[in-house]
C-alpha atoms as a PDB file:
ATOM      1  CA  MET A   1       0.000   0.000   0.000  1.00  0.00           C
ATOM      2  CA  THR A   2       1.401   3.390  -0.941  1.00  0.00           C
ATOM      3  CA  ILE A   3       0.859   6.626   0.931  1.00  0.00           C
ATOM      4  CA  ASN A   4      -0.743   9.543  -0.886  1.00  0.00           C
ATOM      5  CA  ASP A   5      -0.038  12.857   0.871  1.00  0.00           C
ATOM      6  CA  ASN A   6      -3.023  14.593  -0.784  1.00  0.00           C
ATOM      7  CA  ILE A   7      -5.713  12.455   0.906  1.00  0.00           C
ATOM      8  CA  THR A   8      -6.834  12.643   4.525  1.00  0.00           C
ATOM      9  CA  VAL A   9      -8.535   9.594   6.031  1.00  0.00           C
ATOM     10  CA  LEU A  10     -10.845  10.011   9.015  1.00  0.00           C
ATOM     11  CA  ALA A  11     -12.522   6.980  10.619  1.00  0.00           C
ATOM     12  CA  GLY A  12     -12.115   4.905   7.476  1.00  0.00           C
ATOM     13  CA  LYS A  13     -13.565   7.525   5.107  1.00  0.00           C
ATOM     14  CA  THR A  14     -11.689   9.689   2.667  1.00  0.00           C
ATOM     15  CA  THR A  15     -12.344  13.403   3.107  1.00  0.00           C
ATOM     16  CA  THR A  16     -12.548  15.836   0.234  1.00  0.00           C
ATOM     17  CA  PRO A  17      -9.430  17.852  -0.568  1.00  0.00           C
ATOM     18  CA  ALA A  18      -9.282  21.512   0.406  1.00  0.00           C
ATOM     19  CA  PRO A  19     -11.105  23.763  -2.072  1.00  0.00           C
ATOM     20  CA  ASP A  20      -9.285  26.203  -4.326  1.00  0.00           C
ATOM     21  CA  VAL A  21      -9.492  29.690  -2.834  1.00  0.00           C
ATOM     22  CA  GLU A  22      -8.308  33.125  -3.903  1.00  0.00           C
ATOM     23  CA  THR A  23      -6.796  35.435  -1.299  1.00  0.00           C
ATOM     24  CA  THR A  24      -6.068  39.139  -1.538  1.00  0.00           C
ATOM     25  CA  SER A  25      -4.047  41.015   1.080  1.00  0.00           C
ATOM     26  CA  THR A  26      -4.181  44.769   1.543  1.00  0.00           C
ATOM     27  CA  ILE A  27      -1.778  46.711   3.748  1.00  0.00           C
ATOM     28  CA  LYS A  28      -2.794  50.265   4.575  1.00  0.00           C
ATOM     29  CA  HIS A  29      -2.373  53.117   7.022  1.00  0.00           C
ATOM     30  CA  ALA A  30      -5.381  53.074   9.356  1.00  0.00           C
ATOM     31  CA  THR A  31      -5.525  56.875   9.721  1.00  0.00           C
ATOM     32  CA  THR A  32      -4.553  58.229   6.310  1.00  0.00           C
ATOM     33  CA  GLY A  33      -5.849  55.325   4.199  1.00  0.00           C
ATOM     34  CA  LYS A  34      -2.601  55.095   2.217  1.00  0.00           C
ATOM     35  CA  VAL A  35      -2.311  51.654   0.600  1.00  0.00           C
ATOM     36  CA  TYR A  36       1.188  50.140   0.687  1.00  0.00           C
ATOM     37  CA  ALA A  37       2.522  47.943  -2.120  1.00  0.00           C
ATOM     38  CA  ASN A  38       4.045  45.440   0.316  1.00  0.00           C
ATOM     39  CA  GLU A  39       5.255  44.878   3.884  1.00  0.00           C
ATOM     40  CA  LEU A  40       8.621  46.498   3.145  1.00  0.00           C
ATOM     41  CA  GLU A  41       6.991  49.790   2.120  1.00  0.00           C
ATOM     42  CA  ALA A  42       4.858  49.813   5.286  1.00  0.00           C
ATOM     43  CA  GLU A  43       7.906  49.048   7.441  1.00  0.00           C
ATOM     44  CA  ALA A  44       9.864  51.831   5.729  1.00  0.00           C
ATOM     45  CA  ASP A  45       7.060  54.269   6.597  1.00  0.00           C
ATOM     46  CA  VAL A  46       7.223  53.186  10.254  1.00  0.00           C
ATOM     47  CA  ILE A  47      11.029  53.549  10.356  1.00  0.00           C
ATOM     48  CA  ASN A  48      11.014  56.929   8.568  1.00  0.00           C
ATOM     49  CA  PRO A  49      11.568  59.664  11.214  1.00  0.00           C
ATOM     50  CA  ALA A  50       9.830  62.230   8.957  1.00  0.00           C
ATOM     51  CA  THR A  51       6.463  60.473   9.495  1.00  0.00           C
ATOM     52  CA  SER A  52       4.499  59.853  12.677  1.00  0.00           C
ATOM     53  CA  THR A  53       3.510  56.346  11.560  1.00  0.00           C
ATOM     54  CA  THR A  54       3.761  53.614  14.196  1.00  0.00           C
ATOM     55  CA  THR A  55       3.313  49.861  13.893  1.00  0.00           C
ATOM     56  CA  GLU A  56      -0.164  50.275  15.410  1.00  0.00           C
ATOM     57  CA  ASP A  57      -1.125  52.489  12.435  1.00  0.00           C
ATOM     58  CA  ILE A  58      -0.537  49.689   9.921  1.00  0.00           C
ATOM     59  CA  LYS A  59      -3.697  47.708   9.101  1.00  0.00           C
ATOM     60  CA  ARG A  60      -3.713  44.385   7.253  1.00  0.00           C
ATOM     61  CA  ASP A  61      -6.871  43.060   5.584  1.00  0.00           C
ATOM     62  CA  VAL A  62      -7.193  39.645   3.965  1.00  0.00           C
ATOM     63  CA  SER A  63     -10.051  38.783   1.618  1.00  0.00           C
ATOM     64  CA  ILE A  64     -10.761  35.102   0.951  1.00  0.00           C
ATOM     65  CA  SER A  65     -12.952  34.115  -2.001  1.00  0.00           C
ATOM     66  CA  VAL A  66     -14.259  30.544  -2.293  1.00  0.00           C
ATOM     67  CA  ASN A  67     -16.032  29.811  -5.575  1.00  0.00           C
ATOM     68  CA  LYS A  68     -17.555  26.475  -4.559  1.00  0.00           C
ATOM     69  CA  LEU A  69     -17.416  24.574  -1.307  1.00  0.00           C
ATOM     70  CA  PRO A  70     -16.937  20.808  -1.484  1.00  0.00           C
ATOM     71  CA  ASP A  71     -20.004  18.648  -0.879  1.00  0.00           C
ATOM     72  CA  ILE A  72     -19.293  17.652   2.737  1.00  0.00           C
ATOM     73  CA  LEU A  73     -22.741  16.204   3.523  1.00  0.00           C
ATOM     74  CA  GLY A  74     -22.959  13.842   0.557  1.00  0.00           C
ATOM     75  CA  GLY A  75     -26.245  15.284  -0.687  1.00  0.00           C
ATOM     76  CA  SER A  76     -27.060  17.363  -3.715  1.00  0.00           C
ATOM     77  CA  SER A  77     -27.996  20.998  -3.704  1.00  0.00           C
END
């Protein structure tokens, strides 16, 4: 018997694989609303002595989009 790393077995039943999801991350300044291109740009704004930005001012939002959930109950919809 070979082992397949992509399948999870629970109480003798094979579970469905994790669904494909799309994620979008947004990094922005909570007060000014400035959107940063990446973590490095946000960190540079915090380090910059010419700005009053602190680590508490940086807000990170993550959006997760799932197109179709797997049929976990075995019925049809």
